[in-house]
């Protein structure tokens, strides 16, 4: 069983991982950008379907976290979060997906 020892912030030391577990963790981090883009696509859908302001606010917080994980430039993040428009977010996610596919 893996033991996780928390450090400052999000850093974690993982001890005693089996080779199989290490491969899983490495694959996750290799594909983290793809995972975050998929998460943002799902959030766009959730924002369109959200029925209450409280739910929309919670979703926009998750959008902010996902964009931070993708290292989206602060100016673009601010623009998206200021407008709080699923359409604006959807257009940006579409552009980011095109950029990711062209790499």
Protein backbone atom coordinates (compact mmCIF):
# COMPACT_ATOMS: atom_id res chain seq x y z
CA UNK A 1 0.00 0.00 0.00
CA UNK A 2 1.30 3.48 -0.87
CA UNK A 3 2.02 5.97 1.84
CA UNK A 4 1.50 9.64 1.01
CA UNK A 5 3.31 12.21 3.08
CA UNK A 6 1.95 15.74 2.52
CA UNK A 7 4.39 18.58 2.00
CA UNK A 8 3.63 22.22 1.34
CA UNK A 9 0.94 23.03 -1.21
CA UNK A 10 0.06 20.23 -3.62
CA UNK A 11 3.39 18.42 -3.41
CA UNK A 12 3.18 14.87 -2.13
CA UNK A 13 5.83 12.19 -1.64
CA UNK A 14 4.62 8.74 -2.66
CA UNK A 15 6.52 5.88 -1.13
CA UNK A 16 6.28 2.17 -1.72
CA UNK A 17 4.49 2.29 -5.08
CA UNK A 18 4.55 -0.88 -7.11
CA UNK A 19 5.88 -0.59 -10.67
CA UNK A 20 2.30 -0.96 -11.92
CA UNK A 21 1.09 1.91 -9.72
CA UNK A 22 4.01 4.08 -10.86
CA UNK A 23 3.01 3.52 -14.50
CA UNK A 24 -0.57 4.54 -13.72
CA UNK A 25 0.57 7.73 -11.96
CA UNK A 26 2.99 8.56 -14.78
CA UNK A 27 0.32 8.04 -17.45
CA UNK A 28 -2.03 10.36 -15.55
CA UNK A 29 0.54 13.15 -15.50
CA UNK A 30 1.50 12.53 -19.14
CA UNK A 31 -2.16 13.05 -20.12
CA UNK A 32 -3.09 15.71 -17.56
CA UNK A 33 -3.73 18.39 -20.21
CA UNK A 34 -6.08 16.09 -22.12
CA UNK A 35 -7.89 15.24 -18.89
CA UNK A 36 -8.31 18.93 -18.00
CA UNK A 37 -9.61 19.76 -21.48
CA UNK A 38 -12.15 16.96 -21.21
CA UNK A 39 -13.14 18.23 -17.78
CA UNK A 40 -13.65 21.73 -19.20
CA UNK A 41 -15.84 20.31 -21.98
CA UNK A 42 -17.98 18.60 -19.36
CA UNK A 43 -18.16 21.82 -17.33
CA UNK A 44 -19.41 23.74 -20.38
CA UNK A 45 -22.27 21.26 -20.65
CA UNK A 46 -22.96 21.45 -16.91
CA UNK A 47 -23.03 25.26 -17.07
CA UNK A 48 -25.64 25.18 -19.84
CA UNK A 49 -27.77 22.80 -17.79
CA UNK A 50 -27.30 24.44 -14.36
CA UNK A 51 -30.60 25.69 -13.00
CA UNK A 52 -29.51 27.77 -10.00
CA UNK A 53 -27.02 30.58 -9.49
CA UNK A 54 -25.47 28.64 -6.62
CA UNK A 55 -24.77 25.67 -8.92
CA UNK A 56 -23.37 27.95 -11.65
CA UNK A 57 -21.05 29.67 -9.14
CA UNK A 58 -19.72 26.30 -7.97
CA UNK A 59 -19.15 25.24 -11.59
CA UNK A 60 -17.28 28.47 -12.41
CA UNK A 61 -14.96 27.77 -9.45
CA UNK A 62 -14.24 24.35 -10.96
CA UNK A 63 -13.62 26.00 -14.35
CA UNK A 64 -11.10 28.31 -12.68
CA UNK A 65 -9.27 25.35 -11.11
CA UNK A 66 -9.19 23.44 -14.41
CA UNK A 67 -7.80 26.48 -16.25
CA UNK A 68 -5.13 26.87 -13.55
CA UNK A 69 -4.16 23.22 -14.06
CA UNK A 70 -3.88 23.87 -17.80
CA UNK A 71 -1.75 26.95 -17.11
CA UNK A 72 -4.07 29.18 -19.14
CA UNK A 73 -2.64 32.73 -19.27
CA UNK A 74 -4.14 34.91 -16.50
CA UNK A 75 -5.53 37.47 -18.98
CA UNK A 76 -7.55 34.79 -20.78
CA UNK A 77 -8.71 33.29 -17.48
CA UNK A 78 -9.81 36.70 -16.27
CA UNK A 79 -11.69 37.37 -19.52
CA UNK A 80 -13.56 34.06 -19.31
CA UNK A 81 -14.36 34.40 -15.60
CA UNK A 82 -15.44 38.03 -15.95
CA UNK A 83 -17.96 37.21 -18.67
CA UNK A 84 -19.08 33.95 -17.04
CA UNK A 85 -20.50 32.92 -20.38
CA UNK A 86 -20.55 29.22 -21.31
CA UNK A 87 -20.31 30.32 -24.96
CA UNK A 88 -17.03 32.18 -24.36
CA UNK A 89 -15.65 29.21 -22.43
CA UNK A 90 -16.78 26.78 -25.14
CA UNK A 91 -15.05 28.79 -27.89
CA UNK A 92 -11.80 28.86 -25.92
CA UNK A 93 -11.96 25.15 -25.10
CA UNK A 94 -12.52 24.42 -28.80
CA UNK A 95 -9.42 26.47 -29.68
CA UNK A 96 -7.35 24.72 -26.99
CA UNK A 97 -8.48 21.32 -28.28
CA UNK A 98 -7.41 22.24 -31.82
CA UNK A 99 -4.01 23.35 -30.51
CA UNK A 100 -3.61 20.12 -28.52
CA UNK A 101 -4.48 17.96 -31.53
CA UNK A 102 -2.00 19.77 -33.77
CA UNK A 103 0.91 18.94 -31.44
